[in-house]
Amino acid sequence: MKVLGFNFFNRPARTVAKELLGKIFVRNFRGKIFTGRVVETEAYLGSEDPASHAGNGLTKRNSVMFGKPGVAYIYLCYGFHFMMNVVTDKEGLAGAVLLRGVEPLSGLKGKVPNGPGKLAKAFKLGKKENRLSLVPKNGIYFAEDGYKDFKIVITGRIGIKEGQNMPLRYYIEGNKYVSKTGRRK
């Protein structure tokens, strides 16, 4: 497997969100390896996106979105669930991709990471991983294994109040690990 590097993430969030589909998300947590194939993502843009944390400009909380691409942006949602995002775009231009669902491959027996909160919990992601570069030495990264045999569905985002009709949600058609509330029949 080839590890995805800086150049993969140094592109617009829309592009990265689509192209992360089918890639392998890898987490090394205290010597235990968890892997899953990315099956659902959502792109979050900068100031033109009312649902983005960067929609109102730079703050202490969202500053990671304006930083170097290929970094984890992990935050607590509603004080309950952590959410895993990947910083995209050029440094200084806010962008991120939310991981919404992965298909378990290894180390996730009995876990169904078909939603961003479930995903972060299954991969043991929290505040400590926020701002980590997505590289093997940090125990959190993405890899490519050549899997491309799928069709991408593009829809509006789910689970948000503003910007939900923007076509920024991407998922692998027919995959059972796509968020249940967002599946199209």
Protein backbone atom coordinates (compact mmCIF):
# COMPACT_ATOMS: atom_id res chain seq x y z
CA MET A 1 0.00 0.00 0.00
CA LYS A 2 1.16 3.49 -0.82
CA VAL A 3 0.77 6.12 1.93
CA LEU A 4 -1.04 9.29 0.81
CA GLY A 5 1.20 12.30 1.26
CA PHE A 6 0.97 16.07 1.49
CA ASN A 7 0.25 16.57 -2.22
CA PHE A 8 -2.90 14.44 -2.07
CA PHE A 9 -4.43 16.76 0.56
CA ASN A 10 -3.04 20.01 -0.87
CA ARG A 11 -6.06 20.34 -3.18
CA PRO A 12 -9.64 21.66 -2.88
CA ALA A 13 -11.86 19.93 -0.31
CA ARG A 14 -14.36 18.85 -2.99
CA THR A 15 -11.64 17.00 -4.90
CA VAL A 16 -10.13 15.37 -1.82
CA ALA A 17 -13.58 14.32 -0.52
CA LYS A 18 -14.31 12.44 -3.76
CA GLU A 19 -10.85 10.96 -4.11
CA LEU A 20 -10.64 9.74 -0.49
CA LEU A 21 -13.43 7.28 -1.32
CA GLY A 22 -11.97 3.80 -1.61
CA LYS A 23 -8.77 4.72 0.22
CA ILE A 24 -7.68 2.95 3.41
CA PHE A 25 -7.82 4.81 6.73
CA VAL A 26 -5.18 3.41 9.09
CA ARG A 27 -4.88 3.90 12.84
CA ASN A 28 -2.13 2.46 14.99
CA PHE A 29 -3.33 2.75 18.58
CA ARG A 30 -0.92 1.39 21.18
CA GLY A 31 0.34 -1.24 18.75
CA LYS A 32 -3.10 -2.34 17.56
CA ILE A 33 -3.82 -1.63 13.90
CA PHE A 34 -7.31 -0.59 12.77
CA THR A 35 -8.04 -0.22 9.06
CA GLY A 36 -11.13 0.66 7.08
CA ARG A 37 -11.99 1.60 3.52
CA VAL A 38 -13.40 5.14 3.27
CA VAL A 39 -16.97 4.89 1.89
CA GLU A 40 -18.50 8.27 2.80
CA THR A 41 -17.18 11.83 3.12
CA GLU A 42 -18.38 15.43 3.22
CA ALA A 43 -16.47 18.49 2.03
CA TYR A 44 -16.44 21.68 4.13
CA LEU A 45 -15.27 24.86 2.49
CA GLY A 46 -14.16 28.19 3.87
CA SER A 47 -16.10 31.44 3.93
CA GLU A 48 -18.51 30.45 1.15
CA ASP A 49 -19.84 27.53 3.19
CA PRO A 50 -22.39 28.36 5.94
CA ALA A 51 -21.91 24.92 7.56
CA SER A 52 -18.13 25.16 7.76
CA HIS A 53 -16.44 25.98 11.05
CA ALA A 54 -14.43 28.44 8.95
CA GLY A 55 -17.57 30.13 7.56
CA ASN A 56 -17.16 33.15 9.84
CA GLY A 57 -13.40 33.42 9.55
CA LEU A 58 -10.43 32.36 11.64
CA THR A 59 -10.93 31.43 15.31
CA LYS A 60 -8.86 29.52 17.86
CA ARG A 61 -11.06 26.42 17.37
CA ASN A 62 -10.92 26.34 13.57
CA SER A 63 -7.35 27.60 13.08
CA VAL A 64 -6.22 24.10 12.09
CA MET A 65 -8.47 24.37 8.99
CA PHE A 66 -6.37 27.32 7.79
CA GLY A 67 -3.11 25.46 8.36
CA LYS A 68 -1.09 22.83 6.57
CA PRO A 69 -3.06 20.24 4.56
CA GLY A 70 -2.87 16.58 5.53
CA VAL A 71 -3.51 17.26 9.21
CA ALA A 72 -6.28 15.85 11.42
CA TYR A 73 -8.97 18.27 12.57
CA ILE A 74 -10.82 16.51 15.38
CA TYR A 75 -13.42 18.26 17.46
CA LEU A 76 -16.15 17.38 19.93
CA CYS A 77 -19.64 17.72 18.46
CA TYR A 78 -22.52 18.61 20.81
CA GLY A 79 -20.24 17.73 23.73
CA PHE A 80 -20.72 14.06 22.98
CA HIS A 81 -19.05 12.70 19.80
CA PHE A 82 -15.65 13.36 18.32
CA MET A 83 -15.55 13.97 14.57
CA MET A 84 -12.55 13.23 12.32
CA ASN A 85 -11.77 15.68 9.53
CA VAL A 86 -8.81 16.01 7.20
CA VAL A 87 -7.46 19.50 6.46
CA THR A 88 -7.28 20.24 2.73
CA ASP A 89 -6.53 23.14 0.41
CA LYS A 90 -3.49 25.39 0.48
CA GLU A 91 -2.21 26.74 3.77
CA GLY A 92 -4.15 29.91 4.61
CA LEU A 93 -7.26 28.75 2.72
CA ALA A 94 -9.70 26.87 4.97
CA GLY A 95 -10.97 23.49 3.88
CA ALA A 96 -11.63 20.09 5.40
CA VAL A 97 -13.18 16.72 4.66
CA LEU A 98 -15.32 14.98 7.28
CA LEU A 99 -15.01 11.20 7.41
CA ARG A 100 -18.59 9.94 7.64
CA GLY A 101 -18.17 6.21 7.12
CA VAL A 102 -15.66 3.43 6.58
CA GLU A 103 -15.99 -0.25 5.77
CA PRO A 104 -14.13 -2.25 8.44
CA LEU A 105 -11.12 -4.17 7.15
CA SER A 106 -9.04 -5.11 10.21
CA GLY A 107 -9.05 -4.59 13.97
CA LEU A 108 -12.66 -3.38 14.04
CA LYS A 109 -14.47 -6.64 14.75
CA GLY A 110 -18.04 -5.94 15.81
CA LYS A 111 -17.75 -2.20 15.06
CA VAL A 112 -20.02 -0.47 12.53
CA PRO A 113 -18.35 2.88 11.80
CA ASN A 114 -21.22 4.20 9.64
CA GLY A 115 -21.40 7.72 10.99
CA PRO A 116 -18.76 10.27 12.00
CA GLY A 117 -19.18 9.78 15.75
CA LYS A 118 -19.12 5.98 15.49
CA LEU A 119 -16.08 6.19 13.23
CA ALA A 120 -14.06 8.31 15.67
CA LYS A 121 -15.02 6.01 18.54
CA ALA A 122 -14.15 2.81 16.63
CA PHE A 123 -10.74 4.22 15.64
CA LYS A 124 -10.11 5.60 19.16
CA LEU A 125 -9.78 9.19 17.96
CA GLY A 126 -10.10 12.15 20.29
CA LYS A 127 -8.68 15.48 21.30
CA LYS A 128 -5.09 14.14 21.46
CA GLU A 129 -5.11 13.43 17.72
CA ASN A 130 -6.31 16.93 16.77
CA ARG A 131 -3.64 18.73 14.69
CA LEU A 132 -1.56 15.59 14.05
CA SER A 133 -0.03 15.25 10.60
CA LEU A 134 -1.50 12.22 8.85
CA VAL A 135 1.67 10.15 8.60
CA PRO A 136 2.56 6.63 9.79
CA LYS A 137 4.89 7.85 12.57
CA ASN A 138 1.86 9.57 14.19
CA GLY A 139 -0.22 6.39 13.97
CA ILE A 140 -2.95 7.93 11.81
CA TYR A 141 -2.83 8.09 8.01
CA PHE A 142 -4.39 7.13 4.69
CA ALA A 143 -3.13 4.67 2.10
CA GLU A 144 -3.94 3.63 -1.46
CA ASP A 145 -4.34 0.00 -2.49
CA GLY A 146 -5.65 0.54 -6.02
CA TYR A 147 -9.33 -0.09 -5.26
CA LYS A 148 -11.41 1.84 -7.80
CA ASP A 149 -14.30 -0.46 -8.73
CA PHE A 150 -17.21 1.64 -7.47
CA LYS A 151 -19.65 4.38 -8.40
CA ILE A 152 -19.71 7.68 -6.48
CA VAL A 153 -23.03 9.20 -5.40
CA ILE A 154 -23.09 12.97 -4.72
CA THR A 155 -25.80 14.47 -2.49
CA GLY A 156 -26.44 17.30 -0.08
CA ARG A 157 -24.84 16.95 3.34
CA ILE A 158 -26.70 15.46 6.30
CA GLY A 159 -26.85 16.20 10.02
CA ILE A 160 -26.46 19.98 9.62
CA LYS A 161 -28.87 22.93 9.57
CA GLU A 162 -27.21 25.30 7.09
CA GLY A 163 -25.68 24.35 3.76
CA GLN A 164 -27.32 20.93 3.69
CA ASN A 165 -28.44 21.31 0.07
CA MET A 166 -24.91 21.96 -1.18
CA PRO A 167 -23.77 18.86 -3.15
CA LEU A 168 -20.73 18.19 -0.96
CA ARG A 169 -21.45 14.68 0.35
CA TYR A 170 -19.89 11.74 -1.45
CA TYR A 171 -20.36 8.03 -0.93
CA ILE A 172 -19.82 4.67 -2.58
CA GLU A 173 -23.09 3.50 -4.07
CA GLY A 174 -24.55 0.40 -2.42
CA ASN A 175 -22.03 0.18 0.41
CA LYS A 176 -23.72 -0.93 3.65
CA TYR A 177 -21.37 1.20 5.77
CA VAL A 178 -22.74 4.50 4.48
CA SER A 179 -24.59 6.44 7.23
CA LYS A 180 -28.07 4.96 7.62
CA THR A 181 -29.80 8.35 7.65
CA GLY A 182 -28.17 9.31 4.40
CA ARG A 183 -28.66 6.24 2.22
CA ARG A 184 -30.64 6.59 -0.95
CA LYS A 185 -32.88 3.67 -1.83
